[in-house]
Amino acid sequence: KTIEVLNNINYEIILINDGSSDNSWEVISNLASKKNNIIAIDLLKNYGQHTALFCGINYAKGDFLITMDDDLQHPPSEIIKLIKFINEKDVDAVLAIPASGHKKHHWFRNFGSKIMHLIDHYLLDTPDGIKKSSFKIIKHDIAKSMVNNFNSTPAISSLLFQITNNVENIHVEHSKRKYGNSNYSSIALFRLLFNNIMH
């Protein structure tokens, strides 16, 4: 679906296998073998979402970088909306948030997101009203600066706000997860919260 959306755009897709125990690596490596603009990366073990994202950013070469999860809660068709927005606005990054006002996650995960938003606002002096999102578009130079500030407890949005406050939100469609369950357990959410505080 993502490939169909980007038919008229010069792009590359970087797929990260973050130590999955299923046949994910077989699937994405097969895709990469058929398309020159698809890059498949196999991590030695499960390092977590943010480390995997930084790995992808490190390999990316485009003028803009888009990060999104693989659960299709954000439809690939919304990618065009992000590209159009950042091209029209003088901003360093655009973070996509649900048009409904809240993500369709478990209440505990939404609660954790609100706590991290407050931490970012008071500790990192983030712009009023700006909300985090895993679905975002970032200018190349800003993304590379984030990689240069990478450490052992990466929190991608917190690093973004350390580098720039020239960030805006855009409303996009956000659906319920169709397959599987989130890998963010209570422990993982608390670890992410700790990483945000440490930044």
C-alpha atoms as a PDB file:
ATOM      1  CA  LYS A   1       0.000   0.000   0.000  1.00  0.00           C
ATOM      2  CA  THR A   2       2.792   2.423   0.823  1.00  0.00           C
ATOM      3  CA  ILE A   3       4.460   1.750  -2.531  1.00  0.00           C
ATOM      4  CA  GLU A   4       1.209   2.480  -4.399  1.00  0.00           C
ATOM      5  CA  VAL A   5       0.838   5.834  -2.617  1.00  0.00           C
ATOM      6  CA  LEU A   6       4.365   6.897  -3.622  1.00  0.00           C
ATOM      7  CA  ASN A   7       4.185   5.957  -7.289  1.00  0.00           C
ATOM      8  CA  ASN A   8       4.830   9.508  -8.548  1.00  0.00           C
ATOM      9  CA  ILE A   9       7.525  10.371  -5.989  1.00  0.00           C
ATOM     10  CA  ASN A  10      11.248   9.609  -5.875  1.00  0.00           C
ATOM     11  CA  TYR A  11      11.552   7.614  -2.661  1.00  0.00           C
ATOM     12  CA  GLU A  12      13.243   4.836  -0.736  1.00  0.00           C
ATOM     13  CA  ILE A  13      11.705   2.547   1.850  1.00  0.00           C
ATOM     14  CA  ILE A  14      13.790   1.240   4.742  1.00  0.00           C
ATOM     15  CA  LEU A  15      12.366  -1.797   6.516  1.00  0.00           C
ATOM     16  CA  ILE A  16      13.847  -2.772   9.879  1.00  0.00           C
ATOM     17  CA  ASN A  17      13.492  -6.263  11.303  1.00  0.00           C
ATOM     18  CA  ASP A  18      13.889  -5.625  15.019  1.00  0.00           C
ATOM     19  CA  GLY A  19      14.682  -9.151  16.164  1.00  0.00           C
ATOM     20  CA  SER A  20      11.264 -10.590  15.293  1.00  0.00           C
ATOM     21  CA  SER A  21      10.629 -14.275  15.915  1.00  0.00           C
ATOM     22  CA  ASP A  22       8.354 -14.808  12.909  1.00  0.00           C
ATOM     23  CA  ASN A  23       9.129 -14.692   9.172  1.00  0.00           C
ATOM     24  CA  SER A  24       9.356 -10.881   8.981  1.00  0.00           C
ATOM     25  CA  TRP A  25      12.961 -10.939   7.795  1.00  0.00           C
ATOM     26  CA  GLU A  26      12.142 -13.374   5.018  1.00  0.00           C
ATOM     27  CA  VAL A  27       9.298 -11.142   3.826  1.00  0.00           C
ATOM     28  CA  ILE A  28      11.157  -7.816   3.863  1.00  0.00           C
ATOM     29  CA  SER A  29      14.385  -9.224   2.422  1.00  0.00           C
ATOM     30  CA  ASN A  30      12.359 -10.703  -0.421  1.00  0.00           C
ATOM     31  CA  LEU A  31      10.811  -7.288  -1.093  1.00  0.00           C
ATOM     32  CA  ALA A  32      14.260  -5.644  -1.074  1.00  0.00           C
ATOM     33  CA  SER A  33      15.588  -8.190  -3.570  1.00  0.00           C
ATOM     34  CA  LYS A  34      12.916  -7.130  -6.065  1.00  0.00           C
ATOM     35  CA  LYS A  35      13.146  -3.337  -5.663  1.00  0.00           C
ATOM     36  CA  ASN A  36      16.326  -1.233  -5.719  1.00  0.00           C
ATOM     37  CA  ASN A  37      14.711   1.477  -3.594  1.00  0.00           C
ATOM     38  CA  ILE A  38      13.726  -0.860  -0.760  1.00  0.00           C
ATOM     39  CA  ILE A  39      16.381  -1.436   1.893  1.00  0.00           C
ATOM     40  CA  ALA A  40      16.065  -4.315   4.348  1.00  0.00           C
ATOM     41  CA  ILE A  41      17.987  -4.263   7.635  1.00  0.00           C
ATOM     42  CA  ASP A  42      18.106  -7.191  10.046  1.00  0.00           C
ATOM     43  CA  LEU A  43      19.054  -6.290  13.629  1.00  0.00           C
ATOM     44  CA  LEU A  44      20.858  -8.968  15.630  1.00  0.00           C
ATOM     45  CA  LYS A  45      18.271  -8.849  18.413  1.00  0.00           C
ATOM     46  CA  ASN A  46      15.267  -6.851  19.568  1.00  0.00           C
ATOM     47  CA  TYR A  47      16.613  -3.404  20.455  1.00  0.00           C
ATOM     48  CA  GLY A  48      13.256  -1.648  20.684  1.00  0.00           C
ATOM     49  CA  GLN A  49      11.283   0.706  18.476  1.00  0.00           C
ATOM     50  CA  HIS A  50      13.367   3.845  18.938  1.00  0.00           C
ATOM     51  CA  THR A  51      16.740   2.202  18.313  1.00  0.00           C
ATOM     52  CA  ALA A  52      15.305   0.562  15.188  1.00  0.00           C
ATOM     53  CA  LEU A  53      14.036   3.944  13.981  1.00  0.00           C
ATOM     54  CA  PHE A  54      17.437   5.545  14.478  1.00  0.00           C
ATOM     55  CA  CYS A  55      18.990   2.706  12.513  1.00  0.00           C
ATOM     56  CA  GLY A  56      16.682   3.503   9.615  1.00  0.00           C
ATOM     57  CA  ILE A  57      17.344   7.245   9.875  1.00  0.00           C
ATOM     58  CA  ASN A  58      21.070   6.584   9.770  1.00  0.00           C
ATOM     59  CA  TYR A  59      20.712   4.802   6.412  1.00  0.00           C
ATOM     60  CA  ALA A  60      18.242   7.268   4.876  1.00  0.00           C
ATOM     61  CA  LYS A  61      19.408   9.575   2.071  1.00  0.00           C
ATOM     62  CA  GLY A  62      16.287  11.556   1.082  1.00  0.00           C
ATOM     63  CA  ASP A  63      15.535  15.243   1.647  1.00  0.00           C
ATOM     64  CA  PHE A  64      12.774  14.230   4.048  1.00  0.00           C
ATOM     65  CA  LEU A  65      12.421  11.227   6.343  1.00  0.00           C
ATOM     66  CA  ILE A  66       9.085   9.720   7.306  1.00  0.00           C
ATOM     67  CA  THR A  67       8.749   7.326  10.225  1.00  0.00           C
ATOM     68  CA  MET A  68       5.683   5.172  10.764  1.00  0.00           C
ATOM     69  CA  ASP A  69       4.746   1.945  12.496  1.00  0.00           C
ATOM     70  CA  ASP A  70       3.967  -1.263  10.623  1.00  0.00           C
ATOM     71  CA  ASP A  71       0.544  -1.872  12.209  1.00  0.00           C
ATOM     72  CA  LEU A  72      -1.358   0.236   9.612  1.00  0.00           C
ATOM     73  CA  GLN A  73      -3.111   2.289  12.282  1.00  0.00           C
ATOM     74  CA  HIS A  74      -1.875   5.197  10.182  1.00  0.00           C
ATOM     75  CA  PRO A  75      -3.002   4.592   6.575  1.00  0.00           C
ATOM     76  CA  PRO A  76      -0.120   4.934   4.072  1.00  0.00           C
ATOM     77  CA  SER A  77      -2.377   7.218   2.012  1.00  0.00           C
ATOM     78  CA  GLU A  78      -1.809   9.926   4.653  1.00  0.00           C
ATOM     79  CA  ILE A  79       1.894  10.090   3.736  1.00  0.00           C
ATOM     80  CA  ILE A  80       1.062  12.477   0.890  1.00  0.00           C
ATOM     81  CA  LYS A  81      -0.603  14.840   3.356  1.00  0.00           C
ATOM     82  CA  LEU A  82       2.604  15.064   5.423  1.00  0.00           C
ATOM     83  CA  ILE A  83       4.788  15.663   2.357  1.00  0.00           C
ATOM     84  CA  LYS A  84       2.484  18.414   1.088  1.00  0.00           C
ATOM     85  CA  PHE A  85       2.336  20.091   4.504  1.00  0.00           C
ATOM     86  CA  ILE A  86       6.103  20.266   5.093  1.00  0.00           C
ATOM     87  CA  ASN A  87       6.649  21.534   1.558  1.00  0.00           C
ATOM     88  CA  GLU A  88       4.158  24.357   2.090  1.00  0.00           C
ATOM     89  CA  LYS A  89       5.205  25.329   5.637  1.00  0.00           C
ATOM     90  CA  ASP A  90       8.587  26.567   6.855  1.00  0.00           C
ATOM     91  CA  VAL A  91       8.938  23.890   9.543  1.00  0.00           C
ATOM     92  CA  ASP A  92      11.570  21.303  10.431  1.00  0.00           C
ATOM     93  CA  ALA A  93       9.164  18.491  11.222  1.00  0.00           C
ATOM     94  CA  VAL A  94       5.479  17.609  11.105  1.00  0.00           C
ATOM     95  CA  LEU A  95       3.962  15.177  13.620  1.00  0.00           C
ATOM     96  CA  ALA A  96       0.715  13.486  12.599  1.00  0.00           C
ATOM     97  CA  ILE A  97      -1.967  13.201  15.268  1.00  0.00           C
ATOM     98  CA  PRO A  98      -5.426  11.594  15.105  1.00  0.00           C
ATOM     99  CA  ALA A  99      -8.210  13.773  13.727  1.00  0.00           C
ATOM    100  CA  SER A 100     -10.450  12.272  16.429  1.00  0.00           C
ATOM    101  CA  GLY A 101      -8.280  13.867  19.134  1.00  0.00           C
ATOM    102  CA  HIS A 102      -6.941  10.649  20.624  1.00  0.00           C
ATOM    103  CA  LYS A 103      -5.127   7.525  19.489  1.00  0.00           C
ATOM    104  CA  LYS A 104      -7.053   4.269  19.411  1.00  0.00           C
ATOM    105  CA  HIS A 105      -4.764   2.536  21.884  1.00  0.00           C
ATOM    106  CA  HIS A 106      -5.353   0.931  25.261  1.00  0.00           C
ATOM    107  CA  TRP A 107      -6.229   3.566  27.915  1.00  0.00           C
ATOM    108  CA  PHE A 108      -2.980   2.878  29.786  1.00  0.00           C
ATOM    109  CA  ARG A 109      -0.845   3.636  26.753  1.00  0.00           C
ATOM    110  CA  ASN A 110      -2.796   6.841  26.072  1.00  0.00           C
ATOM    111  CA  PHE A 111      -2.294   7.820  29.721  1.00  0.00           C
ATOM    112  CA  GLY A 112       1.450   7.237  29.410  1.00  0.00           C
ATOM    113  CA  SER A 113       1.537   9.411  26.287  1.00  0.00           C
ATOM    114  CA  LYS A 114      -0.113  12.270  28.183  1.00  0.00           C
ATOM    115  CA  ILE A 115       2.455  12.001  30.979  1.00  0.00           C
ATOM    116  CA  MET A 116       5.344  12.083  28.484  1.00  0.00           C
ATOM    117  CA  HIS A 117       3.780  15.093  26.776  1.00  0.00           C
ATOM    118  CA  LEU A 118       3.770  16.969  30.098  1.00  0.00           C
ATOM    119  CA  ILE A 119       7.395  15.994  30.757  1.00  0.00           C
ATOM    120  CA  ASP A 120       8.461  17.243  27.334  1.00  0.00           C
ATOM    121  CA  HIS A 121       6.574  20.503  27.797  1.00  0.00           C
ATOM    122  CA  TYR A 122       8.142  21.344  31.153  1.00  0.00           C
ATOM    123  CA  LEU A 123      11.632  19.845  30.773  1.00  0.00           C
ATOM    124  CA  LEU A 124      12.277  20.420  27.067  1.00  0.00           C
ATOM    125  CA  ASP A 125      10.220  23.590  26.648  1.00  0.00           C
ATOM    126  CA  THR A 126       8.284  22.116  23.739  1.00  0.00           C
ATOM    127  CA  PRO A 127       5.830  24.379  21.908  1.00  0.00           C
ATOM    128  CA  ASP A 128       2.385  24.711  23.475  1.00  0.00           C
ATOM    129  CA  GLY A 129      -0.123  22.235  22.099  1.00  0.00           C
ATOM    130  CA  ILE A 130       2.372  20.177  20.083  1.00  0.00           C
ATOM    131  CA  LYS A 131       1.830  16.440  20.537  1.00  0.00           C
ATOM    132  CA  LYS A 132       4.168  13.542  19.818  1.00  0.00           C
ATOM    133  CA  SER A 133       3.572  10.905  17.181  1.00  0.00           C
ATOM    134  CA  SER A 134       5.426   7.928  15.749  1.00  0.00           C
ATOM    135  CA  PHE A 135       4.076   8.997  12.339  1.00  0.00           C
ATOM    136  CA  LYS A 136       6.124  12.035  11.347  1.00  0.00           C
ATOM    137  CA  ILE A 137       8.110  13.717   8.591  1.00  0.00           C
ATOM    138  CA  ILE A 138      11.463  15.366   9.366  1.00  0.00           C
ATOM    139  CA  LYS A 139      13.899  17.368   7.274  1.00  0.00           C
ATOM    140  CA  HIS A 140      17.073  15.442   6.446  1.00  0.00           C
ATOM    141  CA  ASP A 141      19.518  17.708   8.316  1.00  0.00           C
ATOM    142  CA  ILE A 142      17.381  17.691  11.472  1.00  0.00           C
ATOM    143  CA  ALA A 143      17.112  13.892  11.397  1.00  0.00           C
ATOM    144  CA  LYS A 144      20.860  13.501  10.984  1.00  0.00           C
ATOM    145  CA  SER A 145      21.449  15.838  13.937  1.00  0.00           C
ATOM    146  CA  MET A 146      19.219  13.549  15.983  1.00  0.00           C
ATOM    147  CA  VAL A 147      21.362  10.554  15.007  1.00  0.00           C
ATOM    148  CA  ASN A 148      24.483  12.442  16.093  1.00  0.00           C
ATOM    149  CA  ASN A 149      22.888  12.899  19.541  1.00  0.00           C
ATOM    150  CA  PHE A 150      21.891   9.241  19.821  1.00  0.00           C
ATOM    151  CA  ASN A 151      22.705   7.567  23.138  1.00  0.00           C
ATOM    152  CA  SER A 152      21.998   4.295  24.938  1.00  0.00           C
ATOM    153  CA  THR A 153      18.468   5.397  25.952  1.00  0.00           C
ATOM    154  CA  PRO A 154      17.054   6.871  22.732  1.00  0.00           C
ATOM    155  CA  ALA A 155      13.713   8.686  22.712  1.00  0.00           C
ATOM    156  CA  ILE A 156      13.224   9.963  19.195  1.00  0.00           C
ATOM    157  CA  SER A 157      10.674  12.738  19.793  1.00  0.00           C
ATOM    158  CA  SER A 158      12.534  14.072  22.817  1.00  0.00           C
ATOM    159  CA  LEU A 159      15.720  14.313  20.742  1.00  0.00           C
ATOM    160  CA  LEU A 160      13.753  16.104  18.038  1.00  0.00           C
ATOM    161  CA  PHE A 161      12.572  18.725  20.529  1.00  0.00           C
ATOM    162  CA  GLN A 162      16.113  19.175  21.829  1.00  0.00           C
ATOM    163  CA  ILE A 163      17.213  20.207  18.347  1.00  0.00           C
ATOM    164  CA  THR A 164      14.239  22.256  17.159  1.00  0.00           C
ATOM    165  CA  ASN A 165      10.913  23.685  18.282  1.00  0.00           C
ATOM    166  CA  ASN A 166       9.979  24.545  14.703  1.00  0.00           C
ATOM    167  CA  VAL A 167       7.506  21.672  14.665  1.00  0.00           C
ATOM    168  CA  GLU A 168       3.802  21.466  13.867  1.00  0.00           C
ATOM    169  CA  ASN A 169       1.040  18.886  14.155  1.00  0.00           C
ATOM    170  CA  ILE A 170      -1.296  17.784  11.387  1.00  0.00           C
ATOM    171  CA  HIS A 171      -4.484  15.763  11.744  1.00  0.00           C
ATOM    172  CA  VAL A 172      -4.650  12.386  10.003  1.00  0.00           C
ATOM    173  CA  GLU A 173      -6.790   9.302  10.066  1.00  0.00           C
ATOM    174  CA  HIS A 174      -5.972   6.844  12.849  1.00  0.00           C
ATOM    175  CA  SER A 175      -7.573   3.399  13.018  1.00  0.00           C
ATOM    176  CA  LYS A 176      -7.691   0.573  15.513  1.00  0.00           C
ATOM    177  CA  ARG A 177      -5.028  -2.106  15.230  1.00  0.00           C
ATOM    178  CA  LYS A 178      -6.284  -4.817  12.886  1.00  0.00           C
ATOM    179  CA  TYR A 179      -3.747  -7.559  13.642  1.00  0.00           C
ATOM    180  CA  GLY A 180      -1.771  -8.654  16.679  1.00  0.00           C
ATOM    181  CA  ASN A 181      -1.102  -6.739  19.857  1.00  0.00           C
ATOM    182  CA  SER A 182       1.166  -3.863  20.777  1.00  0.00           C
ATOM    183  CA  ASN A 183       4.647  -4.778  22.030  1.00  0.00           C
ATOM    184  CA  TYR A 184       4.458  -1.960  24.580  1.00  0.00           C
ATOM    185  CA  SER A 185       3.951  -3.715  27.888  1.00  0.00           C
ATOM    186  CA  SER A 186       3.656  -1.762  31.138  1.00  0.00           C
ATOM    187  CA  ILE A 187       7.395  -2.233  31.707  1.00  0.00           C
ATOM    188  CA  ALA A 188       8.226  -1.028  28.200  1.00  0.00           C
ATOM    189  CA  LEU A 189       6.073   2.087  28.682  1.00  0.00           C
ATOM    190  CA  PHE A 190       7.765   2.911  31.983  1.00  0.00           C
ATOM    191  CA  ARG A 191      11.168   2.403  30.353  1.00  0.00           C
ATOM    192  CA  LEU A 192      10.202   4.813  27.561  1.00  0.00           C
ATOM    193  CA  LEU A 193       8.980   7.304  30.162  1.00  0.00           C
ATOM    194  CA  PHE A 194      12.336   7.032  31.954  1.00  0.00           C
ATOM    195  CA  ASN A 195      14.219   7.570  28.683  1.00  0.00           C
ATOM    196  CA  ASN A 196      12.219  10.734  28.030  1.00  0.00           C
ATOM    197  CA  ILE A 197      13.072  12.059  31.497  1.00  0.00           C
ATOM    198  CA  MET A 198      16.778  11.278  31.056  1.00  0.00           C
ATOM    199  CA  HIS A 199      16.828  13.348  27.836  1.00  0.00           C
END
